Amino acid sequence: MKKIPLRKCVATQEQLPKKELLRIVRTPEGTVVIDTSGRMNGRGAYLKKSQEAIDIAIKRKALERALEVTLDPSFIEQLRSYMNES
């Protein structure tokens, strides 16, 4: 039986299968992007695919702490619209 890789959501602190989480990456150039492939280079943080998790992450600055970066308001909007589409 194959082991399912688990990752922890930075907002809810839940251990979840990697497939159920969204990976956000701070690239070596310093930009913050949504990593749809799950394989991009850079510092990554995982976020549960839910609106509540995004709200918690923004309120507590969990993503900013995990990625060691200040998030742009435009990226937060991009993240919210991505969540609404999927």
N, C-alpha and C. Protein backbone atom coordinates (compact mmCIF):
# COMPACT_ATOMS: atom_id res chain seq x y z
N MET A 1 0.83 -1.19 0.00
CA MET A 1 0.00 0.00 0.00
C MET A 1 0.88 1.26 0.00
N LYS A 2 0.52 2.19 -0.87
CA LYS A 2 1.30 3.42 -1.00
C LYS A 2 0.92 4.43 0.08
N LYS A 3 1.93 5.05 0.68
CA LYS A 3 1.70 6.03 1.73
C LYS A 3 1.26 7.36 1.11
N ILE A 4 0.22 7.99 1.67
CA ILE A 4 -0.27 9.27 1.16
C ILE A 4 0.50 10.39 1.85
N PRO A 5 1.14 11.28 1.05
CA PRO A 5 1.89 12.36 1.69
C PRO A 5 0.96 13.36 2.37
N LEU A 6 1.22 13.63 3.65
CA LEU A 6 0.42 14.57 4.42
C LEU A 6 1.20 15.88 4.60
N ARG A 7 0.47 16.97 4.59
CA ARG A 7 1.06 18.28 4.84
C ARG A 7 0.15 19.03 5.81
N LYS A 8 0.71 20.02 6.50
CA LYS A 8 -0.08 20.79 7.47
C LYS A 8 -0.49 22.13 6.89
N CYS A 9 -1.78 22.44 7.02
CA CYS A 9 -2.30 23.73 6.58
C CYS A 9 -1.79 24.81 7.54
N VAL A 10 -1.23 25.90 7.00
CA VAL A 10 -0.68 26.96 7.86
C VAL A 10 -1.77 27.72 8.60
N ALA A 11 -3.01 27.69 8.09
CA ALA A 11 -4.11 28.42 8.73
C ALA A 11 -4.81 27.58 9.79
N THR A 12 -5.25 26.36 9.42
CA THR A 12 -6.07 25.55 10.33
C THR A 12 -5.26 24.56 11.16
N GLN A 13 -3.97 24.39 10.82
CA GLN A 13 -3.07 23.45 11.49
C GLN A 13 -3.51 21.99 11.33
N GLU A 14 -4.36 21.70 10.32
CA GLU A 14 -4.82 20.33 10.09
C GLU A 14 -3.82 19.58 9.22
N GLN A 15 -3.60 18.30 9.54
CA GLN A 15 -2.79 17.44 8.69
C GLN A 15 -3.72 16.88 7.62
N LEU A 16 -3.43 17.17 6.35
CA LEU A 16 -4.29 16.71 5.27
C LEU A 16 -3.45 16.12 4.14
N PRO A 17 -4.07 15.25 3.32
CA PRO A 17 -3.34 14.76 2.14
C PRO A 17 -2.95 15.93 1.24
N LYS A 18 -1.75 15.85 0.69
CA LYS A 18 -1.21 16.91 -0.15
C LYS A 18 -2.17 17.36 -1.26
N LYS A 19 -2.92 16.41 -1.82
CA LYS A 19 -3.85 16.69 -2.92
C LYS A 19 -4.99 17.62 -2.51
N GLU A 20 -5.33 17.64 -1.22
CA GLU A 20 -6.44 18.47 -0.73
C GLU A 20 -6.00 19.88 -0.35
N LEU A 21 -4.70 20.16 -0.51
CA LEU A 21 -4.17 21.45 -0.12
C LEU A 21 -3.67 22.24 -1.33
N LEU A 22 -3.60 23.53 -1.14
CA LEU A 22 -3.11 24.43 -2.17
C LEU A 22 -1.71 24.87 -1.75
N ARG A 23 -0.74 24.80 -2.66
CA ARG A 23 0.62 25.19 -2.31
C ARG A 23 0.86 26.61 -2.79
N ILE A 24 1.31 27.44 -1.89
CA ILE A 24 1.67 28.83 -2.20
C ILE A 24 3.18 28.90 -2.08
N VAL A 25 3.85 29.50 -3.07
CA VAL A 25 5.31 29.51 -3.11
C VAL A 25 5.87 30.92 -3.20
N ARG A 26 6.92 31.16 -2.41
CA ARG A 26 7.73 32.36 -2.61
C ARG A 26 8.92 31.91 -3.45
N THR A 27 8.96 32.38 -4.67
CA THR A 27 10.00 31.96 -5.60
C THR A 27 11.35 32.54 -5.20
N PRO A 28 12.45 31.98 -5.74
CA PRO A 28 13.77 32.56 -5.43
C PRO A 28 13.87 34.05 -5.79
N GLU A 29 13.05 34.50 -6.74
CA GLU A 29 13.06 35.93 -7.13
C GLU A 29 12.28 36.78 -6.13
N GLY A 30 11.53 36.14 -5.24
CA GLY A 30 10.80 36.87 -4.21
C GLY A 30 9.33 37.11 -4.51
N THR A 31 8.83 36.61 -5.65
CA THR A 31 7.41 36.76 -5.95
C THR A 31 6.63 35.62 -5.30
N VAL A 32 5.37 35.89 -4.96
CA VAL A 32 4.52 34.87 -4.34
C VAL A 32 3.50 34.41 -5.38
N VAL A 33 3.45 33.10 -5.62
CA VAL A 33 2.55 32.54 -6.63
C VAL A 33 1.82 31.31 -6.10
N ILE A 34 0.69 30.99 -6.75
CA ILE A 34 -0.05 29.76 -6.46
C ILE A 34 0.61 28.66 -7.30
N ASP A 35 1.08 27.63 -6.63
CA ASP A 35 1.76 26.52 -7.31
C ASP A 35 0.76 25.41 -7.60
N THR A 36 0.24 25.40 -8.83
CA THR A 36 -0.76 24.38 -9.19
C THR A 36 -0.11 23.01 -9.40
N SER A 37 1.17 22.98 -9.80
CA SER A 37 1.85 21.71 -10.05
C SER A 37 2.33 21.05 -8.75
N GLY A 38 2.59 21.87 -7.73
CA GLY A 38 3.11 21.34 -6.46
C GLY A 38 4.59 21.03 -6.51
N ARG A 39 5.28 21.52 -7.55
CA ARG A 39 6.69 21.19 -7.73
C ARG A 39 7.60 22.40 -7.95
N MET A 40 7.07 23.59 -7.78
CA MET A 40 7.88 24.78 -8.06
C MET A 40 9.01 24.96 -7.05
N ASN A 41 10.09 25.61 -7.51
CA ASN A 41 11.20 25.92 -6.62
C ASN A 41 10.81 27.09 -5.73
N GLY A 42 11.33 27.08 -4.52
CA GLY A 42 11.08 28.17 -3.61
C GLY A 42 10.51 27.69 -2.30
N ARG A 43 10.26 28.63 -1.42
CA ARG A 43 9.71 28.30 -0.09
C ARG A 43 8.21 28.13 -0.20
N GLY A 44 7.71 26.99 0.21
CA GLY A 44 6.29 26.68 0.06
C GLY A 44 5.53 26.65 1.37
N ALA A 45 4.24 26.93 1.26
CA ALA A 45 3.34 26.81 2.41
C ALA A 45 2.04 26.20 1.88
N TYR A 46 1.41 25.39 2.71
CA TYR A 46 0.18 24.73 2.27
C TYR A 46 -1.04 25.35 2.94
N LEU A 47 -2.11 25.45 2.16
CA LEU A 47 -3.35 26.06 2.62
C LEU A 47 -4.51 25.18 2.21
N LYS A 48 -5.41 24.91 3.15
CA LYS A 48 -6.59 24.11 2.86
C LYS A 48 -7.42 24.82 1.79
N LYS A 49 -8.00 24.03 0.87
CA LYS A 49 -8.78 24.62 -0.22
C LYS A 49 -10.17 25.03 0.26
N SER A 50 -10.22 26.08 1.08
CA SER A 50 -11.50 26.60 1.56
C SER A 50 -11.40 28.09 1.83
N GLN A 51 -12.52 28.77 1.71
CA GLN A 51 -12.57 30.21 1.93
C GLN A 51 -12.21 30.55 3.38
N GLU A 52 -12.67 29.71 4.32
CA GLU A 52 -12.38 29.95 5.74
C GLU A 52 -10.89 29.90 6.01
N ALA A 53 -10.20 28.94 5.39
CA ALA A 53 -8.75 28.81 5.59
C ALA A 53 -8.03 30.06 5.09
N ILE A 54 -8.47 30.61 3.96
CA ILE A 54 -7.86 31.84 3.43
C ILE A 54 -8.09 32.99 4.40
N ASP A 55 -9.34 33.10 4.90
CA ASP A 55 -9.66 34.17 5.85
C ASP A 55 -8.79 34.09 7.10
N ILE A 56 -8.64 32.87 7.64
CA ILE A 56 -7.83 32.66 8.84
C ILE A 56 -6.37 33.03 8.55
N ALA A 57 -5.86 32.55 7.40
CA ALA A 57 -4.46 32.80 7.04
C ALA A 57 -4.18 34.30 6.91
N ILE A 58 -5.13 35.04 6.35
CA ILE A 58 -4.94 36.48 6.16
C ILE A 58 -5.05 37.20 7.52
N LYS A 59 -6.05 36.83 8.30
CA LYS A 59 -6.27 37.46 9.61
C LYS A 59 -5.07 37.25 10.54
N ARG A 60 -4.57 36.02 10.59
CA ARG A 60 -3.46 35.69 11.49
C ARG A 60 -2.09 35.91 10.85
N LYS A 61 -2.07 36.32 9.59
CA LYS A 61 -0.83 36.49 8.82
C LYS A 61 0.00 35.20 8.78
N ALA A 62 -0.70 34.06 8.72
CA ALA A 62 -0.04 32.75 8.73
C ALA A 62 0.80 32.53 7.48
N LEU A 63 0.25 32.92 6.32
CA LEU A 63 1.00 32.76 5.06
C LEU A 63 2.22 33.67 5.05
N GLU A 64 2.06 34.90 5.51
CA GLU A 64 3.18 35.84 5.54
C GLU A 64 4.31 35.31 6.41
N ARG A 65 3.95 34.73 7.57
CA ARG A 65 4.97 34.16 8.46
C ARG A 65 5.65 32.96 7.83
N ALA A 66 4.84 32.06 7.24
CA ALA A 66 5.38 30.83 6.66
C ALA A 66 6.31 31.11 5.48
N LEU A 67 5.94 32.11 4.68
CA LEU A 67 6.74 32.43 3.49
C LEU A 67 7.77 33.54 3.74
N GLU A 68 7.73 34.11 4.93
CA GLU A 68 8.65 35.19 5.31
C GLU A 68 8.59 36.34 4.32
N VAL A 69 7.36 36.80 4.04
CA VAL A 69 7.14 37.85 3.04
C VAL A 69 5.87 38.62 3.40
N THR A 70 5.76 39.87 2.91
CA THR A 70 4.53 40.63 3.09
C THR A 70 3.68 40.41 1.84
N LEU A 71 2.45 39.96 2.03
CA LEU A 71 1.59 39.65 0.89
C LEU A 71 0.98 40.91 0.28
N ASP A 72 0.95 40.93 -1.02
CA ASP A 72 0.37 42.01 -1.79
C ASP A 72 -1.16 41.85 -1.77
N PRO A 73 -1.92 42.94 -1.60
CA PRO A 73 -3.39 42.80 -1.64
C PRO A 73 -3.90 42.18 -2.95
N SER A 74 -3.20 42.43 -4.06
CA SER A 74 -3.61 41.85 -5.34
C SER A 74 -3.45 40.33 -5.34
N PHE A 75 -2.43 39.83 -4.63
CA PHE A 75 -2.25 38.37 -4.54
C PHE A 75 -3.37 37.76 -3.70
N ILE A 76 -3.79 38.45 -2.65
CA ILE A 76 -4.88 37.96 -1.80
C ILE A 76 -6.16 37.85 -2.63
N GLU A 77 -6.41 38.84 -3.49
CA GLU A 77 -7.57 38.81 -4.39
C GLU A 77 -7.46 37.63 -5.36
N GLN A 78 -6.26 37.44 -5.90
CA GLN A 78 -6.00 36.34 -6.84
C GLN A 78 -6.27 34.99 -6.15
N LEU A 79 -5.85 34.89 -4.90
CA LEU A 79 -6.06 33.67 -4.12
C LEU A 79 -7.54 33.41 -3.90
N ARG A 80 -8.29 34.46 -3.54
CA ARG A 80 -9.74 34.33 -3.33
C ARG A 80 -10.47 33.92 -4.61
N SER A 81 -10.11 34.55 -5.73
CA SER A 81 -10.78 34.21 -6.98
C SER A 81 -10.43 32.79 -7.43
N TYR A 82 -9.18 32.36 -7.17
CA TYR A 82 -8.76 30.99 -7.50
C TYR A 82 -9.60 29.99 -6.70
N MET A 83 -9.83 30.29 -5.42
CA MET A 83 -10.62 29.43 -4.56
C MET A 83 -12.07 29.34 -5.04
N ASN A 84 -12.62 30.46 -5.50
CA ASN A 84 -13.99 30.48 -5.98
C ASN A 84 -14.16 29.68 -7.27
N GLU A 85 -13.12 29.66 -8.10
CA GLU A 85 -13.18 28.93 -9.38
C GLU A 85 -13.12 27.42 -9.15
N SER A 86 -12.26 26.98 -8.22
CA SER A 86 -12.08 25.53 -8.02
C SER A 86 -13.10 24.92 -7.09
